[in-house]
Amino acid sequence: MTRIGEITSNEGETPLYACRACLQELLTIHERSVGRMDGRPRIIQIPRAPRGAVPN
């Protein structure tokens, strides 16, 4: 299993894992979507809200 990210909420954080087959499928989906783009994909960093913060 490989850690691929996390889900974050006001209550805490839960790590997300993918098996080898699922990770390969995610990479294939990514490669296909990049092939449809004219340039390199943009990587957007979404800032994390501090724990306990109330969304606007």
C-alpha atoms as a PDB file:
ATOM      1  CA  MET A   1       0.000   0.000   0.000  1.00  0.00           C
ATOM      2  CA  THR A   2       1.111   3.514  -0.826  1.00  0.00           C
ATOM      3  CA  ARG A   3      -0.111   6.628   0.907  1.00  0.00           C
ATOM      4  CA  ILE A   4      -1.589   8.931  -1.747  1.00  0.00           C
ATOM      5  CA  GLY A   5      -3.048  11.746   0.333  1.00  0.00           C
ATOM      6  CA  GLU A   6      -5.489  12.455   3.089  1.00  0.00           C
ATOM      7  CA  ILE A   7      -8.982  13.643   3.832  1.00  0.00           C
ATOM      8  CA  THR A   8      -9.030  16.560   6.253  1.00  0.00           C
ATOM      9  CA  SER A   9     -11.986  17.856   8.214  1.00  0.00           C
ATOM     10  CA  ASN A  10     -12.570  19.830  11.395  1.00  0.00           C
ATOM     11  CA  GLU A  11     -12.519  16.532  13.307  1.00  0.00           C
ATOM     12  CA  GLY A  12      -9.108  15.449  12.055  1.00  0.00           C
ATOM     13  CA  GLU A  13      -7.201  13.849   9.227  1.00  0.00           C
ATOM     14  CA  THR A  14      -7.550  10.385   7.692  1.00  0.00           C
ATOM     15  CA  PRO A  15      -4.754   9.048   5.460  1.00  0.00           C
ATOM     16  CA  LEU A  16      -5.680   7.591   2.046  1.00  0.00           C
ATOM     17  CA  TYR A  17      -3.864   4.534   0.718  1.00  0.00           C
ATOM     18  CA  ALA A  18      -3.955   2.726  -2.631  1.00  0.00           C
ATOM     19  CA  CYS A  19      -2.814  -0.775  -3.554  1.00  0.00           C
ATOM     20  CA  ARG A  20      -0.408  -1.292  -6.458  1.00  0.00           C
ATOM     21  CA  ALA A  21      -3.196  -2.025  -8.972  1.00  0.00           C
ATOM     22  CA  CYS A  22      -5.217   1.043  -7.912  1.00  0.00           C
ATOM     23  CA  LEU A  23      -2.132   3.253  -7.986  1.00  0.00           C
ATOM     24  CA  GLN A  24      -1.391   2.071 -11.526  1.00  0.00           C
ATOM     25  CA  GLU A  25      -4.974   2.879 -12.548  1.00  0.00           C
ATOM     26  CA  LEU A  26      -4.668   6.382 -11.054  1.00  0.00           C
ATOM     27  CA  LEU A  27      -1.406   6.925 -12.948  1.00  0.00           C
ATOM     28  CA  THR A  28      -3.045   5.741 -16.188  1.00  0.00           C
ATOM     29  CA  ILE A  29      -5.968   8.128 -15.674  1.00  0.00           C
ATOM     30  CA  HIS A  30      -3.497  10.952 -15.052  1.00  0.00           C
ATOM     31  CA  GLU A  31      -1.447  10.159 -18.162  1.00  0.00           C
ATOM     32  CA  ARG A  32      -4.586  10.066 -20.310  1.00  0.00           C
ATOM     33  CA  SER A  33      -5.807  13.410 -18.972  1.00  0.00           C
ATOM     34  CA  VAL A  34      -2.390  15.027 -19.488  1.00  0.00           C
ATOM     35  CA  GLY A  35      -2.399  13.766 -23.084  1.00  0.00           C
ATOM     36  CA  ARG A  36      -5.559  15.801 -23.705  1.00  0.00           C
ATOM     37  CA  MET A  37      -3.949  19.022 -22.508  1.00  0.00           C
ATOM     38  CA  ASP A  38      -1.929  21.420 -24.636  1.00  0.00           C
ATOM     39  CA  GLY A  39       0.743  22.003 -22.002  1.00  0.00           C
ATOM     40  CA  ARG A  40       1.906  20.721 -18.681  1.00  0.00           C
ATOM     41  CA  PRO A  41      -0.783  20.338 -16.034  1.00  0.00           C
ATOM     42  CA  ARG A  42      -0.991  23.037 -13.390  1.00  0.00           C
ATOM     43  CA  ILE A  43      -0.378  21.874  -9.861  1.00  0.00           C
ATOM     44  CA  ILE A  44      -2.518  23.825  -7.442  1.00  0.00           C
ATOM     45  CA  GLN A  45      -1.747  23.825  -3.748  1.00  0.00           C
ATOM     46  CA  ILE A  46      -4.912  24.271  -1.716  1.00  0.00           C
ATOM     47  CA  PRO A  47      -4.076  25.805   1.652  1.00  0.00           C
ATOM     48  CA  ARG A  48      -5.295  23.869   4.648  1.00  0.00           C
ATOM     49  CA  ALA A  49      -7.586  25.602   7.084  1.00  0.00           C
ATOM     50  CA  PRO A  50      -6.406  25.396  10.677  1.00  0.00           C
ATOM     51  CA  ARG A  51      -8.113  22.681  12.673  1.00  0.00           C
ATOM     52  CA  GLY A  52     -11.281  23.965  14.265  1.00  0.00           C
ATOM     53  CA  ALA A  53     -11.633  26.811  11.740  1.00  0.00           C
ATOM     54  CA  VAL A  54     -15.162  27.493  10.556  1.00  0.00           C
ATOM     55  CA  PRO A  55     -15.522  27.702   6.736  1.00  0.00           C
ATOM     56  CA  ASN A  56     -16.855  31.012   5.366  1.00  0.00           C
END
